[in-house]
Amino acid sequence: MRISERERTVIRDAVRAFFGEDAVVYLYGSRMDDTRRGGDIDLYIETRLPFGEAFDARTRLALLLQERLGEQKIDILVRHAGMEGDPAPIYRVARENGIRI
């Protein structure tokens, strides 16, 4: 996994602060591969917050991560309360292949 322990802690603590203690966050995508270089930070978050609150939390999280981790590409995918049925393929891939941080 190509994020530092500091980055991992910043991400995990910020997700809990904005989405609640029961939220879970996964790193997926190119940063999971130690043999690669560069790439954005892809995060997948599962929360019990409803859409409106999850949207606001995602916005605040993105701003805080830019501030604390420096300017870099960070993609945040959120599965919120109320999303029913079979999720889009990207949600499944992120959840099944991602690493919980």
N, C-alpha and C. Protein backbone atom coordinates (compact mmCIF):
# COMPACT_ATOMS: atom_id res chain seq x y z
N MET A 1 0.86 -1.17 0.00
CA MET A 1 0.00 0.00 0.00
C MET A 1 0.90 1.23 0.00
N ARG A 2 0.65 2.13 -0.95
CA ARG A 2 1.52 3.29 -1.11
C ARG A 2 0.92 4.56 -0.52
N ILE A 3 0.57 4.49 0.76
CA ILE A 3 0.30 5.70 1.54
C ILE A 3 1.04 5.52 2.85
N SER A 4 1.50 6.60 3.39
CA SER A 4 2.26 6.52 4.64
C SER A 4 1.32 6.29 5.82
N GLU A 5 1.89 5.92 6.94
CA GLU A 5 1.10 5.74 8.15
C GLU A 5 0.44 7.06 8.56
N ARG A 6 1.15 8.16 8.36
CA ARG A 6 0.57 9.47 8.66
C ARG A 6 -0.64 9.75 7.78
N GLU A 7 -0.51 9.49 6.47
CA GLU A 7 -1.62 9.71 5.55
C GLU A 7 -2.80 8.82 5.92
N ARG A 8 -2.50 7.59 6.26
CA ARG A 8 -3.55 6.64 6.66
C ARG A 8 -4.30 7.14 7.90
N THR A 9 -3.56 7.63 8.88
CA THR A 9 -4.17 8.14 10.10
C THR A 9 -5.01 9.39 9.82
N VAL A 10 -4.48 10.29 9.02
CA VAL A 10 -5.22 11.51 8.66
C VAL A 10 -6.54 11.15 7.98
N ILE A 11 -6.48 10.23 7.03
CA ILE A 11 -7.68 9.83 6.29
C ILE A 11 -8.69 9.18 7.23
N ARG A 12 -8.24 8.19 8.00
CA ARG A 12 -9.14 7.45 8.88
C ARG A 12 -9.80 8.38 9.90
N ASP A 13 -9.01 9.26 10.53
CA ASP A 13 -9.56 10.18 11.54
C ASP A 13 -10.54 11.18 10.93
N ALA A 14 -10.22 11.67 9.74
CA ALA A 14 -11.11 12.64 9.08
C ALA A 14 -12.43 11.98 8.67
N VAL A 15 -12.37 10.76 8.16
CA VAL A 15 -13.59 10.04 7.78
C VAL A 15 -14.48 9.86 9.01
N ARG A 16 -13.91 9.45 10.11
CA ARG A 16 -14.70 9.27 11.34
C ARG A 16 -15.30 10.59 11.81
N ALA A 17 -14.52 11.66 11.70
CA ALA A 17 -15.01 12.97 12.15
C ALA A 17 -16.19 13.45 11.32
N PHE A 18 -16.14 13.26 10.01
CA PHE A 18 -17.19 13.77 9.13
C PHE A 18 -18.34 12.80 8.89
N PHE A 19 -18.06 11.51 8.89
CA PHE A 19 -19.08 10.51 8.57
C PHE A 19 -19.56 9.72 9.79
N GLY A 20 -18.89 9.85 10.92
CA GLY A 20 -19.28 9.14 12.13
C GLY A 20 -18.36 7.96 12.41
N GLU A 21 -18.39 7.52 13.66
CA GLU A 21 -17.52 6.44 14.11
C GLU A 21 -17.78 5.11 13.41
N ASP A 22 -18.99 4.92 12.92
CA ASP A 22 -19.32 3.63 12.29
C ASP A 22 -18.99 3.59 10.79
N ALA A 23 -18.51 4.70 10.25
CA ALA A 23 -18.14 4.72 8.83
C ALA A 23 -16.87 3.91 8.62
N VAL A 24 -16.77 3.28 7.45
CA VAL A 24 -15.56 2.53 7.11
C VAL A 24 -14.99 3.10 5.82
N VAL A 25 -13.67 3.05 5.70
CA VAL A 25 -13.00 3.61 4.53
C VAL A 25 -12.00 2.60 3.99
N TYR A 26 -11.99 2.49 2.67
CA TYR A 26 -11.10 1.57 1.96
C TYR A 26 -10.26 2.36 0.97
N LEU A 27 -9.01 1.94 0.83
CA LEU A 27 -8.15 2.44 -0.23
C LEU A 27 -8.24 1.43 -1.37
N TYR A 28 -8.46 1.91 -2.58
CA TYR A 28 -8.50 1.02 -3.74
C TYR A 28 -7.76 1.70 -4.88
N GLY A 29 -7.56 0.99 -5.95
CA GLY A 29 -6.91 1.57 -7.11
C GLY A 29 -5.40 1.41 -7.09
N SER A 30 -4.72 2.29 -7.82
CA SER A 30 -3.29 2.14 -8.07
C SER A 30 -2.43 2.25 -6.81
N ARG A 31 -2.89 2.94 -5.79
CA ARG A 31 -2.08 3.09 -4.57
C ARG A 31 -1.98 1.79 -3.76
N MET A 32 -2.74 0.79 -4.14
CA MET A 32 -2.63 -0.51 -3.46
C MET A 32 -1.43 -1.30 -3.98
N ASP A 33 -0.92 -0.95 -5.13
CA ASP A 33 0.15 -1.69 -5.79
C ASP A 33 1.50 -1.05 -5.47
N ASP A 34 2.31 -1.74 -4.67
CA ASP A 34 3.61 -1.21 -4.26
C ASP A 34 4.61 -1.11 -5.40
N THR A 35 4.36 -1.78 -6.51
CA THR A 35 5.32 -1.76 -7.63
C THR A 35 5.10 -0.58 -8.57
N ARG A 36 3.99 0.13 -8.41
CA ARG A 36 3.68 1.26 -9.29
C ARG A 36 4.15 2.56 -8.67
N ARG A 37 4.11 3.61 -9.45
CA ARG A 37 4.50 4.94 -8.99
C ARG A 37 3.36 5.91 -9.28
N GLY A 38 3.30 6.96 -8.45
CA GLY A 38 2.30 8.00 -8.70
C GLY A 38 0.89 7.50 -8.48
N GLY A 39 -0.03 8.17 -9.14
CA GLY A 39 -1.44 7.79 -9.04
C GLY A 39 -2.17 8.57 -7.97
N ASP A 40 -3.47 8.66 -8.15
CA ASP A 40 -4.28 9.39 -7.18
C ASP A 40 -4.62 8.49 -6.00
N ILE A 41 -5.16 9.09 -4.96
CA ILE A 41 -5.63 8.35 -3.80
C ILE A 41 -7.11 8.11 -4.02
N ASP A 42 -7.49 6.84 -4.15
CA ASP A 42 -8.89 6.45 -4.36
C ASP A 42 -9.44 5.92 -3.05
N LEU A 43 -10.49 6.57 -2.54
CA LEU A 43 -11.10 6.17 -1.29
C LEU A 43 -12.55 5.76 -1.52
N TYR A 44 -12.95 4.69 -0.85
CA TYR A 44 -14.34 4.22 -0.87
C TYR A 44 -14.83 4.24 0.57
N ILE A 45 -15.93 4.94 0.82
CA ILE A 45 -16.47 5.10 2.17
C ILE A 45 -17.88 4.54 2.22
N GLU A 46 -18.17 3.79 3.27
CA GLU A 46 -19.53 3.32 3.55
C GLU A 46 -20.01 4.02 4.80
N THR A 47 -21.19 4.63 4.71
CA THR A 47 -21.73 5.40 5.82
C THR A 47 -23.24 5.17 5.96
N ARG A 48 -23.73 5.40 7.14
CA ARG A 48 -25.17 5.33 7.39
C ARG A 48 -25.85 6.69 7.21
N LEU A 49 -25.06 7.71 6.91
CA LEU A 49 -25.64 9.04 6.71
C LEU A 49 -26.53 9.03 5.47
N PRO A 50 -27.61 9.82 5.49
CA PRO A 50 -28.43 9.97 4.29
C PRO A 50 -27.70 10.80 3.24
N PHE A 51 -28.23 10.80 2.03
CA PHE A 51 -27.55 11.45 0.91
C PHE A 51 -27.06 12.86 1.20
N GLY A 52 -27.95 13.74 1.65
CA GLY A 52 -27.58 15.15 1.85
C GLY A 52 -26.43 15.31 2.83
N GLU A 53 -26.48 14.61 3.95
CA GLU A 53 -25.41 14.70 4.94
C GLU A 53 -24.12 14.07 4.41
N ALA A 54 -24.25 12.96 3.68
CA ALA A 54 -23.07 12.31 3.11
C ALA A 54 -22.41 13.20 2.07
N PHE A 55 -23.21 13.90 1.28
CA PHE A 55 -22.68 14.82 0.27
C PHE A 55 -21.87 15.94 0.94
N ASP A 56 -22.45 16.53 1.99
CA ASP A 56 -21.75 17.59 2.72
C ASP A 56 -20.47 17.06 3.36
N ALA A 57 -20.55 15.88 3.96
CA ALA A 57 -19.38 15.28 4.61
C ALA A 57 -18.27 15.00 3.59
N ARG A 58 -18.65 14.54 2.40
CA ARG A 58 -17.66 14.27 1.35
C ARG A 58 -16.95 15.55 0.93
N THR A 59 -17.69 16.62 0.80
CA THR A 59 -17.11 17.91 0.42
C THR A 59 -16.13 18.40 1.48
N ARG A 60 -16.54 18.34 2.73
CA ARG A 60 -15.67 18.79 3.82
C ARG A 60 -14.43 17.90 3.93
N LEU A 61 -14.62 16.59 3.74
CA LEU A 61 -13.49 15.66 3.78
C LEU A 61 -12.48 15.98 2.69
N ALA A 62 -12.95 16.21 1.48
CA ALA A 62 -12.05 16.51 0.36
C ALA A 62 -11.21 17.77 0.65
N LEU A 63 -11.85 18.79 1.19
CA LEU A 63 -11.13 20.02 1.51
C LEU A 63 -10.09 19.80 2.61
N LEU A 64 -10.46 19.07 3.64
CA LEU A 64 -9.54 18.81 4.73
C LEU A 64 -8.35 17.96 4.27
N LEU A 65 -8.60 16.95 3.46
CA LEU A 65 -7.51 16.10 2.98
C LEU A 65 -6.55 16.89 2.10
N GLN A 66 -7.06 17.79 1.27
CA GLN A 66 -6.19 18.64 0.46
C GLN A 66 -5.30 19.50 1.36
N GLU A 67 -5.89 20.00 2.42
CA GLU A 67 -5.15 20.84 3.36
C GLU A 67 -4.07 20.05 4.10
N ARG A 68 -4.43 18.87 4.57
CA ARG A 68 -3.50 18.09 5.41
C ARG A 68 -2.54 17.20 4.65
N LEU A 69 -2.92 16.78 3.45
CA LEU A 69 -2.06 15.88 2.68
C LEU A 69 -1.35 16.58 1.54
N GLY A 70 -1.70 17.82 1.31
CA GLY A 70 -1.11 18.56 0.20
C GLY A 70 -1.94 18.38 -1.06
N GLU A 71 -1.69 19.22 -2.02
CA GLU A 71 -2.47 19.17 -3.25
C GLU A 71 -2.09 17.94 -4.05
N GLN A 72 -3.03 17.05 -4.15
CA GLN A 72 -2.89 15.84 -4.97
C GLN A 72 -4.29 15.36 -5.32
N LYS A 73 -4.37 14.52 -6.30
CA LYS A 73 -5.67 14.01 -6.76
C LYS A 73 -6.19 12.99 -5.76
N ILE A 74 -7.37 13.25 -5.24
CA ILE A 74 -8.03 12.34 -4.31
C ILE A 74 -9.45 12.12 -4.80
N ASP A 75 -9.78 10.87 -5.11
CA ASP A 75 -11.14 10.51 -5.53
C ASP A 75 -11.85 9.87 -4.35
N ILE A 76 -13.06 10.33 -4.07
CA ILE A 76 -13.82 9.83 -2.93
C ILE A 76 -15.16 9.30 -3.42
N LEU A 77 -15.37 8.02 -3.23
CA LEU A 77 -16.60 7.34 -3.60
C LEU A 77 -17.35 7.01 -2.32
N VAL A 78 -18.62 7.42 -2.21
CA VAL A 78 -19.38 7.23 -0.97
C VAL A 78 -20.63 6.40 -1.23
N ARG A 79 -20.78 5.35 -0.47
CA ARG A 79 -22.03 4.57 -0.46
C ARG A 79 -22.77 4.97 0.81
N HIS A 80 -23.88 5.69 0.64
CA HIS A 80 -24.62 6.25 1.76
C HIS A 80 -25.92 5.49 2.02
N ALA A 81 -26.54 5.78 3.16
CA ALA A 81 -27.83 5.19 3.49
C ALA A 81 -28.83 5.56 2.41
N GLY A 82 -29.65 4.64 2.07
CA GLY A 82 -30.66 4.89 1.04
C GLY A 82 -30.26 4.37 -0.32
N MET A 83 -29.01 4.00 -0.50
CA MET A 83 -28.59 3.42 -1.78
C MET A 83 -28.98 1.94 -1.74
N GLU A 84 -30.04 1.64 -2.44
CA GLU A 84 -30.56 0.28 -2.40
C GLU A 84 -30.23 -0.44 -3.70
N GLY A 85 -30.42 -1.74 -3.65
CA GLY A 85 -30.20 -2.55 -4.84
C GLY A 85 -28.74 -2.86 -5.07
N ASP A 86 -28.48 -3.40 -6.22
CA ASP A 86 -27.13 -3.79 -6.59
C ASP A 86 -26.32 -2.54 -6.92
N PRO A 87 -25.18 -2.35 -6.23
CA PRO A 87 -24.40 -1.15 -6.50
C PRO A 87 -23.74 -1.19 -7.88
N ALA A 88 -23.37 -0.04 -8.36
CA ALA A 88 -22.64 0.05 -9.63
C ALA A 88 -21.33 -0.73 -9.51
N PRO A 89 -20.81 -1.21 -10.62
CA PRO A 89 -19.59 -2.04 -10.57
C PRO A 89 -18.43 -1.39 -9.82
N ILE A 90 -18.24 -0.09 -9.94
CA ILE A 90 -17.12 0.56 -9.25
C ILE A 90 -17.23 0.40 -7.75
N TYR A 91 -18.44 0.43 -7.21
CA TYR A 91 -18.64 0.25 -5.78
C TYR A 91 -18.23 -1.16 -5.36
N ARG A 92 -18.62 -2.15 -6.16
CA ARG A 92 -18.26 -3.54 -5.85
C ARG A 92 -16.75 -3.75 -5.92
N VAL A 93 -16.13 -3.23 -6.96
CA VAL A 93 -14.68 -3.39 -7.13
C VAL A 93 -13.94 -2.73 -5.96
N ALA A 94 -14.33 -1.52 -5.60
CA ALA A 94 -13.68 -0.80 -4.50
C ALA A 94 -13.81 -1.57 -3.19
N ARG A 95 -15.00 -2.09 -2.92
CA ARG A 95 -15.26 -2.81 -1.66
C ARG A 95 -14.57 -4.15 -1.63
N GLU A 96 -14.64 -4.90 -2.73
CA GLU A 96 -14.09 -6.24 -2.75
C GLU A 96 -12.56 -6.28 -2.87
N ASN A 97 -12.00 -5.32 -3.59
CA ASN A 97 -10.56 -5.31 -3.82
C ASN A 97 -9.79 -4.31 -2.96
N GLY A 98 -10.52 -3.41 -2.33
CA GLY A 98 -9.86 -2.38 -1.52
C GLY A 98 -9.32 -2.91 -0.21
N ILE A 99 -8.47 -2.09 0.39
CA ILE A 99 -7.88 -2.39 1.69
C ILE A 99 -8.48 -1.44 2.71
N ARG A 100 -9.09 -2.00 3.75
CA ARG A 100 -9.68 -1.15 4.79
C ARG A 100 -8.58 -0.44 5.56
N ILE A 101 -8.75 0.86 5.70
CA ILE A 101 -7.72 1.62 6.43
C ILE A 101 -8.33 2.28 7.66
